[in-house]
Protein backbone atom coordinates (compact mmCIF):
# COMPACT_ATOMS: atom_id res chain seq x y z
CA UNK A 1 -75.36 78.58 84.35
CA UNK A 2 -77.78 77.67 87.08
CA UNK A 3 -80.31 80.00 88.63
CA UNK A 4 -82.57 79.65 91.64
CA UNK A 5 -85.93 81.21 92.35
CA UNK A 6 -87.91 82.37 95.32
CA UNK A 7 -91.36 83.88 95.46
CA UNK A 8 -92.87 86.44 97.81
CA UNK A 9 -96.53 87.32 98.17
CA UNK A 10 -97.84 90.25 100.24
CA UNK A 11 -101.28 91.45 101.30
CA UNK A 12 -102.05 94.72 103.04
CA UNK A 13 -100.09 97.77 104.07
CA UNK A 14 -96.42 97.70 104.97
CA UNK A 15 -96.87 97.92 108.72
CA UNK A 16 -100.10 95.95 109.14
CA UNK A 17 -99.86 93.53 106.24
CA UNK A 18 -98.17 90.17 105.96
CA UNK A 19 -96.85 87.86 103.34
CA UNK A 20 -95.34 84.52 102.54
CA UNK A 21 -91.95 83.62 101.12
CA UNK A 22 -91.15 80.30 99.51
CA UNK A 23 -88.14 78.92 97.72
CA UNK A 24 -87.84 76.75 94.62
CA UNK A 25 -86.61 73.67 96.48
CA UNK A 26 -89.60 73.70 98.84
CA UNK A 27 -87.36 73.72 101.91
CA UNK A 28 -88.70 77.12 102.98
CA UNK A 29 -92.32 78.22 102.87
CA UNK A 30 -92.67 80.80 105.61
CA UNK A 31 -94.66 83.83 106.68
CA UNK A 32 -92.95 87.20 106.87
CA UNK A 33 -93.94 90.68 107.96
CA UNK A 34 -92.58 94.15 108.66
CA UNK A 35 -92.79 93.68 112.41
CA UNK A 36 -90.27 90.82 112.13
CA UNK A 37 -87.87 93.25 110.44
CA UNK A 38 -87.89 95.85 113.17
CA UNK A 39 -89.08 94.15 116.33
CA UNK A 40 -91.08 91.27 117.62
CA UNK A 41 -93.08 90.11 114.62
CA UNK A 42 -93.66 86.48 113.80
CA UNK A 43 -92.13 84.82 110.81
CA UNK A 44 -88.99 85.61 108.90
CA UNK A 45 -87.81 88.76 107.15
CA UNK A 46 -85.62 89.65 104.18
CA UNK A 47 -82.58 90.52 106.31
CA UNK A 48 -82.70 87.17 108.11
CA UNK A 49 -82.80 85.41 104.76
CA UNK A 50 -79.88 87.49 103.47
CA UNK A 51 -77.97 86.57 106.64
CA UNK A 52 -78.68 82.87 106.09
CA UNK A 53 -77.62 83.05 102.44
CA UNK A 54 -74.44 84.96 103.24
CA UNK A 55 -73.43 82.70 106.13
CA UNK A 56 -74.05 79.59 104.05
CA UNK A 57 -72.25 80.83 100.95
CA UNK A 58 -69.25 82.18 102.83
CA UNK A 59 -68.86 78.95 104.82
CA UNK A 60 -69.07 76.79 101.69
CA UNK A 61 -66.54 79.02 99.90
CA UNK A 62 -64.15 78.78 102.83
CA UNK A 63 -64.50 75.00 102.85
CA UNK A 64 -63.65 74.91 99.14
CA UNK A 65 -60.59 77.12 99.61
CA UNK A 66 -59.35 75.07 102.55
CA UNK A 67 -59.87 71.84 100.61
CA UNK A 68 -57.92 73.19 97.65
CA UNK A 69 -55.09 74.04 100.07
CA UNK A 70 -55.08 70.49 101.45
CA UNK A 71 -57.04 71.06 104.66
CA UNK A 72 -60.25 69.33 105.73
CA UNK A 73 -62.29 71.38 108.18
CA UNK A 74 -63.63 69.43 111.14
CA UNK A 75 -66.11 72.26 111.70
CA UNK A 76 -66.87 75.72 110.36
CA UNK A 77 -69.65 77.82 111.90
CA UNK A 78 -70.54 81.27 110.62
CA UNK A 79 -73.01 83.77 112.02
CA UNK A 80 -73.98 86.65 109.74
CA UNK A 81 -75.42 89.79 111.32
CA UNK A 82 -77.28 91.92 108.79
CA UNK A 83 -77.89 95.44 110.06
CA UNK A 84 -81.04 97.26 108.94
CA UNK A 85 -81.18 100.98 109.61
CA UNK A 86 -83.62 103.77 108.83
CA UNK A 87 -82.20 106.27 106.34
CA UNK A 88 -84.25 109.02 104.80
CA UNK A 89 -87.64 107.78 103.64
CA UNK A 90 -86.56 104.14 103.66
CA UNK A 91 -84.14 101.61 105.09
CA UNK A 92 -80.62 100.51 104.18
CA UNK A 93 -78.35 97.61 104.99
CA UNK A 94 -75.14 99.49 105.82
CA UNK A 95 -73.12 96.52 106.99
CA UNK A 96 -72.97 92.78 107.48
CA UNK A 97 -70.79 91.22 110.14
CA UNK A 98 -69.52 87.69 109.58
CA UNK A 99 -68.45 85.85 112.73
CA UNK A 100 -66.56 82.63 112.05
CA UNK A 101 -65.47 79.84 114.35
CA UNK A 102 -63.61 76.89 112.92
CA UNK A 103 -61.66 73.77 113.67
CA UNK A 104 -59.22 72.93 110.89
CA UNK A 105 -56.60 70.35 111.84
CA UNK A 106 -53.09 71.32 110.73
CA UNK A 107 -53.91 74.97 109.98
CA UNK A 108 -52.57 77.83 112.11
CA UNK A 109 -54.48 81.02 113.01
CA UNK A 110 -52.74 83.14 110.37
CA UNK A 111 -53.56 80.65 107.62
CA UNK A 112 -57.15 80.39 108.81
CA UNK A 113 -57.52 84.18 108.77
CA UNK A 114 -55.99 84.40 105.28
CA UNK A 115 -58.37 81.83 103.82
CA UNK A 116 -61.35 83.41 105.60
CA UNK A 117 -60.53 86.84 104.14
CA UNK A 118 -60.33 85.38 100.64
CA UNK A 119 -63.66 83.57 101.16
CA UNK A 120 -65.27 86.80 102.37
CA UNK A 121 -64.58 88.59 99.09
CA UNK A 122 -64.92 85.62 96.74
CA UNK A 123 -68.17 83.94 97.75
CA UNK A 124 -70.95 84.69 95.22
CA UNK A 125 -73.29 86.17 97.84
CA UNK A 126 -70.59 88.59 99.05
CA UNK A 127 -70.08 89.65 95.46
CA UNK A 128 -73.82 90.08 94.89
CA UNK A 129 -74.23 92.13 98.02
CA UNK A 130 -71.37 94.37 96.87
CA UNK A 131 -73.53 95.59 94.01
CA UNK A 132 -75.24 93.31 91.54
CA UNK A 133 -77.00 94.36 88.38
CA UNK A 134 -80.70 93.96 89.10
CA UNK A 135 -83.18 93.60 86.27
CA UNK A 136 -86.95 93.92 86.58
CA UNK A 137 -89.95 92.72 84.62
CA UNK A 138 -93.19 94.10 86.04
CA UNK A 139 -96.74 93.12 85.08
CA UNK A 140 -99.93 94.51 86.59
CA UNK A 141 -102.85 92.08 86.85
């Protein structure tokens, strides 16, 4: 099966440092920092990238489900809101809100809702965010 990679580099402390994130395809090579996670920092942050991945995956999954049911979406637009909250000594992502707007000729609201609910639980990113096995290989240079 396919796999994709991304790389993150960081220099400095959590609150004063900064880093860079880039993806395998080269379509993203961006700065990121802690200030962007909690306030007005410049660059991206992990939660924003999770939101982008979730919105994209969910929307593609919904398109696939609708196509299999004989519908061609004229437009599907998803906004994912990833919530980051302080908990104990660290932070957690307690919830993600998916907001979907669509135009699917020939499909009623009940059918749209049904397909959207199935897409929500069946897209690979939703599944991963529900609790994936995470492995780690660490090397100190």
